[in-house]
Amino acid sequence: MAAPLGPLSDPGAEKSLLEINQDLQSQLEKSKQDFRDLKEKFLISEATAYSLANQLQKYSKGGYFTLSLLRMGKLKTNRLATSTG
């Protein structure tokens, strides 16, 4: 009596697994690119906010406080960027 073929022994199933693997690889690459794009947008936004805070400091009595808060947030952001980068 012959043993039944497992799902990985079936040529059709193997092709299906290869297709699934290719699809997952493609999705992973897209997700990585999306992450890089979002990180770039975030860094640009952060730089813009920092620049605006610097301008606000020049024209506002409370500018020092605003800039200090932004710098504290930047320290946290830098830690996040280095831990995920």
N, C-alpha and C. Protein backbone atom coordinates (compact mmCIF):
# COMPACT_ATOMS: atom_id res chain seq x y z
N MET A 1 0.85 -1.18 0.00
CA MET A 1 0.00 0.00 0.00
C MET A 1 0.90 1.24 0.00
N ALA A 2 0.71 2.11 -0.93
CA ALA A 2 1.53 3.31 -1.08
C ALA A 2 1.07 4.39 -0.11
N ALA A 3 2.04 5.11 0.43
CA ALA A 3 1.71 6.21 1.34
C ALA A 3 1.18 7.38 0.53
N PRO A 4 0.16 8.05 1.04
CA PRO A 4 -0.37 9.20 0.31
C PRO A 4 0.68 10.31 0.26
N LEU A 5 0.66 11.01 -0.84
CA LEU A 5 1.59 12.12 -1.01
C LEU A 5 1.18 13.28 -0.12
N GLY A 6 2.15 13.87 0.54
CA GLY A 6 1.88 15.05 1.37
C GLY A 6 1.67 16.26 0.48
N PRO A 7 1.18 17.34 1.03
CA PRO A 7 0.92 18.55 0.23
C PRO A 7 2.18 19.13 -0.41
N LEU A 8 3.33 18.93 0.23
CA LEU A 8 4.56 19.47 -0.35
C LEU A 8 5.10 18.57 -1.46
N SER A 9 4.60 17.33 -1.54
CA SER A 9 5.05 16.42 -2.57
C SER A 9 4.28 16.62 -3.87
N ASP A 10 3.16 17.24 -3.79
CA ASP A 10 2.31 17.47 -4.96
C ASP A 10 2.92 18.61 -5.78
N PRO A 11 3.25 18.37 -7.08
CA PRO A 11 3.85 19.43 -7.90
C PRO A 11 3.01 20.69 -7.97
N GLY A 12 1.70 20.54 -8.00
CA GLY A 12 0.81 21.71 -8.03
C GLY A 12 0.92 22.52 -6.75
N ALA A 13 1.05 21.83 -5.62
CA ALA A 13 1.17 22.52 -4.34
C ALA A 13 2.51 23.23 -4.26
N GLU A 14 3.57 22.63 -4.80
CA GLU A 14 4.90 23.26 -4.76
C GLU A 14 4.89 24.55 -5.57
N LYS A 15 4.27 24.52 -6.71
CA LYS A 15 4.17 25.73 -7.52
C LYS A 15 3.40 26.79 -6.76
N SER A 16 2.35 26.36 -6.10
CA SER A 16 1.55 27.29 -5.34
C SER A 16 2.37 27.91 -4.20
N LEU A 17 3.19 27.10 -3.54
CA LEU A 17 4.04 27.62 -2.47
C LEU A 17 5.06 28.61 -3.02
N LEU A 18 5.61 28.32 -4.18
CA LEU A 18 6.55 29.25 -4.80
C LEU A 18 5.88 30.58 -5.13
N GLU A 19 4.67 30.50 -5.64
CA GLU A 19 3.92 31.72 -5.96
C GLU A 19 3.63 32.52 -4.69
N ILE A 20 3.24 31.79 -3.65
CA ILE A 20 2.95 32.46 -2.38
C ILE A 20 4.21 33.14 -1.87
N ASN A 21 5.34 32.45 -1.93
CA ASN A 21 6.61 33.02 -1.47
C ASN A 21 6.96 34.27 -2.27
N GLN A 22 6.78 34.23 -3.59
CA GLN A 22 7.07 35.39 -4.42
C GLN A 22 6.16 36.56 -4.07
N ASP A 23 4.88 36.26 -3.84
CA ASP A 23 3.93 37.32 -3.46
C ASP A 23 4.32 37.95 -2.13
N LEU A 24 4.71 37.11 -1.18
CA LEU A 24 5.09 37.63 0.13
C LEU A 24 6.38 38.44 0.04
N GLN A 25 7.32 38.01 -0.78
CA GLN A 25 8.55 38.77 -0.97
C GLN A 25 8.25 40.13 -1.59
N SER A 26 7.35 40.13 -2.55
CA SER A 26 6.96 41.38 -3.20
C SER A 26 6.29 42.32 -2.20
N GLN A 27 5.40 41.77 -1.37
CA GLN A 27 4.73 42.59 -0.36
C GLN A 27 5.73 43.14 0.65
N LEU A 28 6.71 42.32 1.03
CA LEU A 28 7.72 42.76 1.97
C LEU A 28 8.53 43.92 1.40
N GLU A 29 8.94 43.80 0.15
CA GLU A 29 9.70 44.88 -0.49
C GLU A 29 8.88 46.16 -0.57
N LYS A 30 7.59 46.02 -0.89
CA LYS A 30 6.72 47.20 -0.96
C LYS A 30 6.58 47.83 0.43
N SER A 31 6.42 47.00 1.44
CA SER A 31 6.30 47.52 2.81
C SER A 31 7.57 48.23 3.24
N LYS A 32 8.72 47.67 2.90
CA LYS A 32 9.99 48.31 3.23
C LYS A 32 10.11 49.66 2.54
N GLN A 33 9.72 49.72 1.26
CA GLN A 33 9.78 50.99 0.52
C GLN A 33 8.80 51.99 1.11
N ASP A 34 7.60 51.55 1.46
CA ASP A 34 6.62 52.43 2.08
C ASP A 34 7.16 53.00 3.39
N PHE A 35 7.83 52.14 4.18
CA PHE A 35 8.41 52.58 5.44
C PHE A 35 9.49 53.64 5.20
N ARG A 36 10.34 53.40 4.22
CA ARG A 36 11.40 54.38 3.90
C ARG A 36 10.78 55.70 3.47
N ASP A 37 9.73 55.63 2.65
CA ASP A 37 9.06 56.86 2.20
C ASP A 37 8.45 57.63 3.36
N LEU A 38 7.78 56.90 4.26
CA LEU A 38 7.16 57.55 5.41
C LEU A 38 8.21 58.14 6.35
N LYS A 39 9.30 57.43 6.52
CA LYS A 39 10.37 57.93 7.38
C LYS A 39 10.96 59.22 6.79
N GLU A 40 11.14 59.24 5.47
CA GLU A 40 11.65 60.44 4.81
C GLU A 40 10.69 61.61 5.00
N LYS A 41 9.40 61.36 4.81
CA LYS A 41 8.41 62.43 4.99
C LYS A 41 8.41 62.92 6.43
N PHE A 42 8.53 61.99 7.37
CA PHE A 42 8.57 62.37 8.78
C PHE A 42 9.77 63.26 9.07
N LEU A 43 10.94 62.87 8.57
CA LEU A 43 12.15 63.66 8.83
C LEU A 43 12.05 65.05 8.21
N ILE A 44 11.45 65.13 7.03
CA ILE A 44 11.25 66.44 6.39
C ILE A 44 10.29 67.29 7.23
N SER A 45 9.22 66.67 7.70
CA SER A 45 8.25 67.39 8.54
C SER A 45 8.90 67.86 9.83
N GLU A 46 9.72 66.99 10.42
CA GLU A 46 10.41 67.35 11.65
C GLU A 46 11.35 68.53 11.43
N ALA A 47 12.09 68.51 10.34
CA ALA A 47 13.00 69.61 10.03
C ALA A 47 12.23 70.91 9.80
N THR A 48 11.09 70.80 9.14
CA THR A 48 10.26 71.98 8.91
C THR A 48 9.76 72.55 10.24
N ALA A 49 9.30 71.67 11.11
CA ALA A 49 8.81 72.12 12.42
C ALA A 49 9.92 72.77 13.22
N TYR A 50 11.11 72.20 13.16
CA TYR A 50 12.24 72.78 13.89
C TYR A 50 12.59 74.16 13.33
N SER A 51 12.57 74.28 12.03
CA SER A 51 12.86 75.57 11.40
C SER A 51 11.81 76.61 11.79
N LEU A 52 10.55 76.21 11.77
CA LEU A 52 9.48 77.13 12.16
C LEU A 52 9.60 77.53 13.62
N ALA A 53 10.01 76.60 14.47
CA ALA A 53 10.20 76.92 15.89
C ALA A 53 11.33 77.92 16.06
N ASN A 54 12.37 77.77 15.26
CA ASN A 54 13.47 78.74 15.31
C ASN A 54 12.99 80.13 14.92
N GLN A 55 12.17 80.20 13.88
CA GLN A 55 11.61 81.49 13.45
C GLN A 55 10.70 82.05 14.53
N LEU A 56 9.90 81.19 15.15
CA LEU A 56 8.99 81.63 16.20
C LEU A 56 9.79 82.18 17.38
N GLN A 57 10.91 81.57 17.67
CA GLN A 57 11.74 82.04 18.77
C GLN A 57 12.20 83.47 18.52
N LYS A 58 12.50 83.78 17.28
CA LYS A 58 12.96 85.13 16.95
C LYS A 58 11.86 86.18 17.13
N TYR A 59 10.63 85.79 16.91
CA TYR A 59 9.53 86.75 16.88
C TYR A 59 8.57 86.62 18.06
N SER A 60 8.89 85.76 19.01
CA SER A 60 7.96 85.52 20.11
C SER A 60 8.69 85.60 21.44
N LYS A 61 8.03 86.14 22.43
CA LYS A 61 8.62 86.20 23.77
C LYS A 61 8.76 84.79 24.35
N GLY A 62 7.81 83.92 24.05
CA GLY A 62 7.84 82.56 24.58
C GLY A 62 8.58 81.59 23.68
N GLY A 63 9.34 82.10 22.74
CA GLY A 63 10.03 81.25 21.77
C GLY A 63 10.99 80.27 22.40
N TYR A 64 11.69 80.70 23.46
CA TYR A 64 12.66 79.81 24.09
C TYR A 64 11.95 78.55 24.60
N PHE A 65 10.80 78.75 25.22
CA PHE A 65 10.04 77.62 25.74
C PHE A 65 9.61 76.70 24.61
N THR A 66 9.13 77.27 23.52
CA THR A 66 8.70 76.48 22.37
C THR A 66 9.86 75.68 21.78
N LEU A 67 11.00 76.32 21.62
CA LEU A 67 12.17 75.66 21.06
C LEU A 67 12.66 74.55 22.00
N SER A 68 12.62 74.82 23.30
CA SER A 68 13.05 73.81 24.27
C SER A 68 12.17 72.57 24.18
N LEU A 69 10.87 72.76 24.07
CA LEU A 69 9.96 71.63 23.94
C LEU A 69 10.23 70.85 22.67
N LEU A 70 10.51 71.57 21.58
CA LEU A 70 10.79 70.91 20.32
C LEU A 70 12.09 70.11 20.41
N ARG A 71 13.10 70.67 21.07
CA ARG A 71 14.37 69.95 21.23
C ARG A 71 14.16 68.69 22.07
N MET A 72 13.34 68.75 23.11
CA MET A 72 13.08 67.56 23.92
C MET A 72 12.41 66.50 23.06
N GLY A 73 11.46 66.88 22.24
CA GLY A 73 10.80 65.95 21.34
C GLY A 73 11.78 65.39 20.32
N LYS A 74 12.72 66.21 19.87
CA LYS A 74 13.72 65.76 18.89
C LYS A 74 14.61 64.69 19.50
N LEU A 75 14.97 64.83 20.75
CA LEU A 75 15.78 63.81 21.41
C LEU A 75 15.05 62.48 21.42
N LYS A 76 13.77 62.52 21.74
CA LYS A 76 12.98 61.28 21.74
C LYS A 76 12.90 60.71 20.33
N THR A 77 12.71 61.58 19.34
CA THR A 77 12.60 61.14 17.96
C THR A 77 13.90 60.52 17.48
N ASN A 78 15.04 61.12 17.85
CA ASN A 78 16.33 60.57 17.45
C ASN A 78 16.52 59.18 18.03
N ARG A 79 16.11 58.97 19.24
CA ARG A 79 16.21 57.63 19.84
C ARG A 79 15.34 56.66 19.05
N LEU A 80 14.15 57.07 18.68
CA LEU A 80 13.26 56.22 17.89
C LEU A 80 13.86 55.91 16.54
N ALA A 81 14.41 56.92 15.87
CA ALA A 81 14.97 56.71 14.54
C ALA A 81 16.16 55.76 14.58
N THR A 82 16.99 55.88 15.61
CA THR A 82 18.16 54.99 15.68
C THR A 82 17.76 53.58 16.08
N SER A 83 16.68 53.43 16.83
CA SER A 83 16.28 52.08 17.21
C SER A 83 15.53 51.37 16.10
N THR A 84 14.87 52.11 15.19
CA THR A 84 14.15 51.47 14.09
C THR A 84 14.94 51.48 12.81
N GLY A 85 15.97 52.29 12.74
CA GLY A 85 16.75 52.46 11.51
C GLY A 85 17.67 51.34 11.31
